[in-house]
């Protein structure tokens, strides 16, 4: 797991998350909550059927942790 750098700009955090997790769509709400959504077509033919396809968190760092866990 690559540690997320400390960034204060929400746009920079979103860009870093998109780069670190290219198969995921990253969404940030106006209330500063974040989500990651995995397109079910991007899961791959060998993916477990119960693999997580969505995650949500209050911080970009926590979302990164959750997406890393979902990818492993």
N, C-alpha and C. Protein backbone atom coordinates (compact mmCIF):
# COMPACT_ATOMS: atom_id res chain seq x y z
N UNK A 1 0.84 -1.17 0.00
CA UNK A 1 0.00 0.00 0.00
C UNK A 1 0.89 1.25 0.00
N UNK A 2 0.64 2.10 -0.94
CA UNK A 2 1.34 3.36 -1.01
C UNK A 2 0.61 4.38 -0.15
N UNK A 3 1.33 5.05 0.71
CA UNK A 3 0.71 6.05 1.57
C UNK A 3 0.29 7.26 0.74
N UNK A 4 -0.86 7.80 1.07
CA UNK A 4 -1.33 8.98 0.39
C UNK A 4 -0.59 10.19 0.92
N UNK A 5 -0.09 11.05 0.02
CA UNK A 5 0.59 12.25 0.51
C UNK A 5 -0.39 13.21 1.18
N UNK A 6 0.11 14.02 2.04
CA UNK A 6 -0.74 15.03 2.70
C UNK A 6 -1.02 16.15 1.70
N UNK A 7 -2.28 16.32 1.36
CA UNK A 7 -2.69 17.41 0.48
C UNK A 7 -3.88 18.10 1.13
N UNK A 8 -3.96 19.41 0.95
CA UNK A 8 -5.07 20.15 1.53
C UNK A 8 -6.12 20.51 0.48
N UNK A 9 -5.74 20.50 -0.78
CA UNK A 9 -6.66 20.85 -1.86
C UNK A 9 -7.49 19.62 -2.24
N UNK A 10 -8.82 19.69 -2.12
CA UNK A 10 -9.66 18.54 -2.46
C UNK A 10 -9.48 18.06 -3.91
N UNK A 11 -9.23 18.97 -4.83
CA UNK A 11 -9.03 18.57 -6.23
C UNK A 11 -7.74 17.76 -6.38
N UNK A 12 -6.70 18.14 -5.65
CA UNK A 12 -5.45 17.38 -5.70
C UNK A 12 -5.64 15.99 -5.08
N UNK A 13 -6.38 15.92 -3.99
CA UNK A 13 -6.64 14.62 -3.35
C UNK A 13 -7.42 13.71 -4.31
N UNK A 14 -8.43 14.26 -4.97
CA UNK A 14 -9.22 13.47 -5.91
C UNK A 14 -8.35 13.00 -7.07
N UNK A 15 -7.50 13.86 -7.59
CA UNK A 15 -6.62 13.49 -8.70
C UNK A 15 -5.66 12.39 -8.26
N UNK A 16 -5.12 12.48 -7.05
CA UNK A 16 -4.21 11.45 -6.56
C UNK A 16 -4.95 10.12 -6.42
N UNK A 17 -6.16 10.15 -5.86
CA UNK A 17 -6.94 8.92 -5.71
C UNK A 17 -7.25 8.29 -7.07
N UNK A 18 -7.61 9.11 -8.06
CA UNK A 18 -7.90 8.59 -9.39
C UNK A 18 -6.66 7.94 -10.00
N UNK A 19 -5.50 8.54 -9.76
CA UNK A 19 -4.25 7.98 -10.28
C UNK A 19 -3.89 6.68 -9.57
N UNK A 20 -4.09 6.64 -8.26
CA UNK A 20 -3.74 5.46 -7.47
C UNK A 20 -4.72 4.31 -7.68
N UNK A 21 -5.95 4.63 -8.06
CA UNK A 21 -7.00 3.62 -8.22
C UNK A 21 -7.72 3.86 -9.55
N UNK A 22 -7.06 3.57 -10.67
CA UNK A 22 -7.59 3.95 -11.98
C UNK A 22 -8.89 3.26 -12.38
N UNK A 23 -9.21 2.11 -11.79
CA UNK A 23 -10.45 1.41 -12.15
C UNK A 23 -11.66 1.94 -11.40
N UNK A 24 -11.44 2.87 -10.51
CA UNK A 24 -12.51 3.40 -9.66
C UNK A 24 -12.91 4.80 -10.08
N UNK A 25 -14.19 5.10 -9.99
CA UNK A 25 -14.68 6.47 -10.14
C UNK A 25 -14.68 7.10 -8.75
N UNK A 26 -14.07 8.25 -8.63
CA UNK A 26 -13.96 8.94 -7.35
C UNK A 26 -14.92 10.13 -7.35
N UNK A 27 -15.73 10.21 -6.30
CA UNK A 27 -16.74 11.27 -6.20
C UNK A 27 -16.55 11.98 -4.86
N UNK A 28 -16.64 13.31 -4.89
CA UNK A 28 -16.59 14.12 -3.66
C UNK A 28 -17.84 14.97 -3.61
N UNK A 29 -18.53 14.93 -2.49
CA UNK A 29 -19.75 15.71 -2.33
C UNK A 29 -19.44 17.13 -1.87
N UNK A 30 -20.43 17.98 -1.96
CA UNK A 30 -20.25 19.35 -1.47
C UNK A 30 -20.18 19.39 0.06
N UNK A 31 -20.49 18.30 0.71
CA UNK A 31 -20.37 18.18 2.17
C UNK A 31 -19.02 17.56 2.56
N UNK A 32 -18.13 17.39 1.57
CA UNK A 32 -16.77 16.89 1.76
C UNK A 32 -16.71 15.41 2.11
N UNK A 33 -17.69 14.63 1.67
CA UNK A 33 -17.65 13.17 1.82
C UNK A 33 -17.17 12.59 0.50
N UNK A 34 -16.53 11.43 0.54
CA UNK A 34 -15.96 10.83 -0.66
C UNK A 34 -16.46 9.42 -0.87
N UNK A 35 -16.58 9.04 -2.16
CA UNK A 35 -16.99 7.70 -2.55
C UNK A 35 -16.07 7.21 -3.65
N UNK A 36 -15.93 5.90 -3.71
CA UNK A 36 -15.27 5.24 -4.82
C UNK A 36 -16.22 4.18 -5.35
N UNK A 37 -16.41 4.17 -6.67
CA UNK A 37 -17.29 3.19 -7.31
C UNK A 37 -16.51 2.43 -8.37
N UNK A 38 -16.56 1.11 -8.30
CA UNK A 38 -15.90 0.26 -9.28
C UNK A 38 -16.94 -0.20 -10.29
N UNK A 39 -16.70 0.10 -11.54
CA UNK A 39 -17.59 -0.37 -12.60
C UNK A 39 -17.55 -1.90 -12.59
N UNK A 40 -18.70 -2.54 -12.50
CA UNK A 40 -18.73 -4.00 -12.41
C UNK A 40 -18.12 -4.64 -13.65
N UNK A 41 -18.09 -3.95 -14.77
CA UNK A 41 -17.43 -4.48 -15.96
C UNK A 41 -15.91 -4.44 -15.83
N UNK A 42 -15.39 -3.63 -14.91
CA UNK A 42 -13.96 -3.50 -14.70
C UNK A 42 -13.43 -4.48 -13.64
N UNK A 43 -14.32 -5.27 -13.03
CA UNK A 43 -13.88 -6.18 -11.97
C UNK A 43 -12.97 -7.27 -12.50
N UNK A 44 -13.13 -7.63 -13.74
CA UNK A 44 -12.32 -8.71 -14.30
C UNK A 44 -13.02 -10.04 -14.17
N UNK A 45 -12.74 -10.92 -15.09
CA UNK A 45 -13.44 -12.21 -15.12
C UNK A 45 -13.10 -13.10 -13.94
N UNK A 46 -11.96 -12.86 -13.30
CA UNK A 46 -11.55 -13.71 -12.18
C UNK A 46 -11.90 -13.13 -10.82
N UNK A 47 -12.59 -12.01 -10.81
CA UNK A 47 -12.93 -11.37 -9.54
C UNK A 47 -13.95 -12.20 -8.77
N UNK A 48 -13.80 -12.18 -7.47
CA UNK A 48 -14.77 -12.88 -6.63
C UNK A 48 -16.12 -12.18 -6.77
N UNK A 49 -17.21 -12.95 -6.80
CA UNK A 49 -18.52 -12.32 -6.99
C UNK A 49 -18.93 -11.38 -5.88
N UNK A 50 -18.33 -11.52 -4.71
CA UNK A 50 -18.69 -10.65 -3.59
C UNK A 50 -17.69 -9.52 -3.37
N UNK A 51 -16.87 -9.26 -4.36
CA UNK A 51 -15.88 -8.18 -4.23
C UNK A 51 -16.59 -6.84 -4.11
N UNK A 52 -16.06 -6.00 -3.25
CA UNK A 52 -16.64 -4.67 -3.04
C UNK A 52 -16.57 -3.86 -4.32
N UNK A 53 -17.66 -3.17 -4.63
CA UNK A 53 -17.70 -2.30 -5.80
C UNK A 53 -17.97 -0.86 -5.42
N UNK A 54 -18.04 -0.58 -4.11
CA UNK A 54 -18.26 0.78 -3.64
C UNK A 54 -17.64 0.93 -2.25
N UNK A 55 -17.19 2.14 -1.98
CA UNK A 55 -16.64 2.46 -0.66
C UNK A 55 -16.91 3.94 -0.40
N UNK A 56 -17.07 4.30 0.86
CA UNK A 56 -17.27 5.70 1.20
C UNK A 56 -16.52 6.03 2.48
N UNK A 57 -16.09 7.30 2.57
CA UNK A 57 -15.29 7.72 3.71
C UNK A 57 -15.39 9.23 3.90
N UNK A 58 -15.01 9.67 5.09
CA UNK A 58 -15.03 11.10 5.40
C UNK A 58 -13.75 11.81 4.96
N UNK A 59 -12.69 11.06 4.73
CA UNK A 59 -11.42 11.68 4.33
C UNK A 59 -10.85 10.95 3.12
N UNK A 60 -10.04 11.65 2.33
CA UNK A 60 -9.42 10.97 1.19
C UNK A 60 -8.47 9.86 1.65
N UNK A 61 -7.81 10.05 2.78
CA UNK A 61 -6.89 9.02 3.29
C UNK A 61 -7.64 7.74 3.63
N UNK A 62 -8.80 7.87 4.28
CA UNK A 62 -9.59 6.69 4.63
C UNK A 62 -10.13 6.02 3.37
N UNK A 63 -10.57 6.81 2.39
CA UNK A 63 -11.06 6.21 1.14
C UNK A 63 -9.93 5.44 0.47
N UNK A 64 -8.74 5.98 0.48
CA UNK A 64 -7.58 5.28 -0.10
C UNK A 64 -7.37 3.93 0.59
N UNK A 65 -7.44 3.92 1.93
CA UNK A 65 -7.29 2.66 2.68
C UNK A 65 -8.36 1.65 2.26
N UNK A 66 -9.60 2.10 2.16
CA UNK A 66 -10.70 1.21 1.81
C UNK A 66 -10.55 0.68 0.38
N UNK A 67 -10.14 1.53 -0.54
CA UNK A 67 -9.96 1.08 -1.93
C UNK A 67 -8.78 0.12 -2.04
N UNK A 68 -7.71 0.37 -1.30
CA UNK A 68 -6.60 -0.57 -1.28
C UNK A 68 -7.07 -1.94 -0.78
N UNK A 69 -7.85 -1.94 0.28
CA UNK A 69 -8.35 -3.21 0.83
C UNK A 69 -9.27 -3.91 -0.17
N UNK A 70 -10.09 -3.17 -0.87
CA UNK A 70 -11.00 -3.76 -1.85
C UNK A 70 -10.24 -4.33 -3.04
N UNK A 71 -9.10 -3.76 -3.35
CA UNK A 71 -8.31 -4.23 -4.50
C UNK A 71 -7.45 -5.43 -4.18
N UNK A 72 -7.26 -5.74 -2.90
CA UNK A 72 -6.41 -6.87 -2.55
C UNK A 72 -7.18 -8.15 -2.37
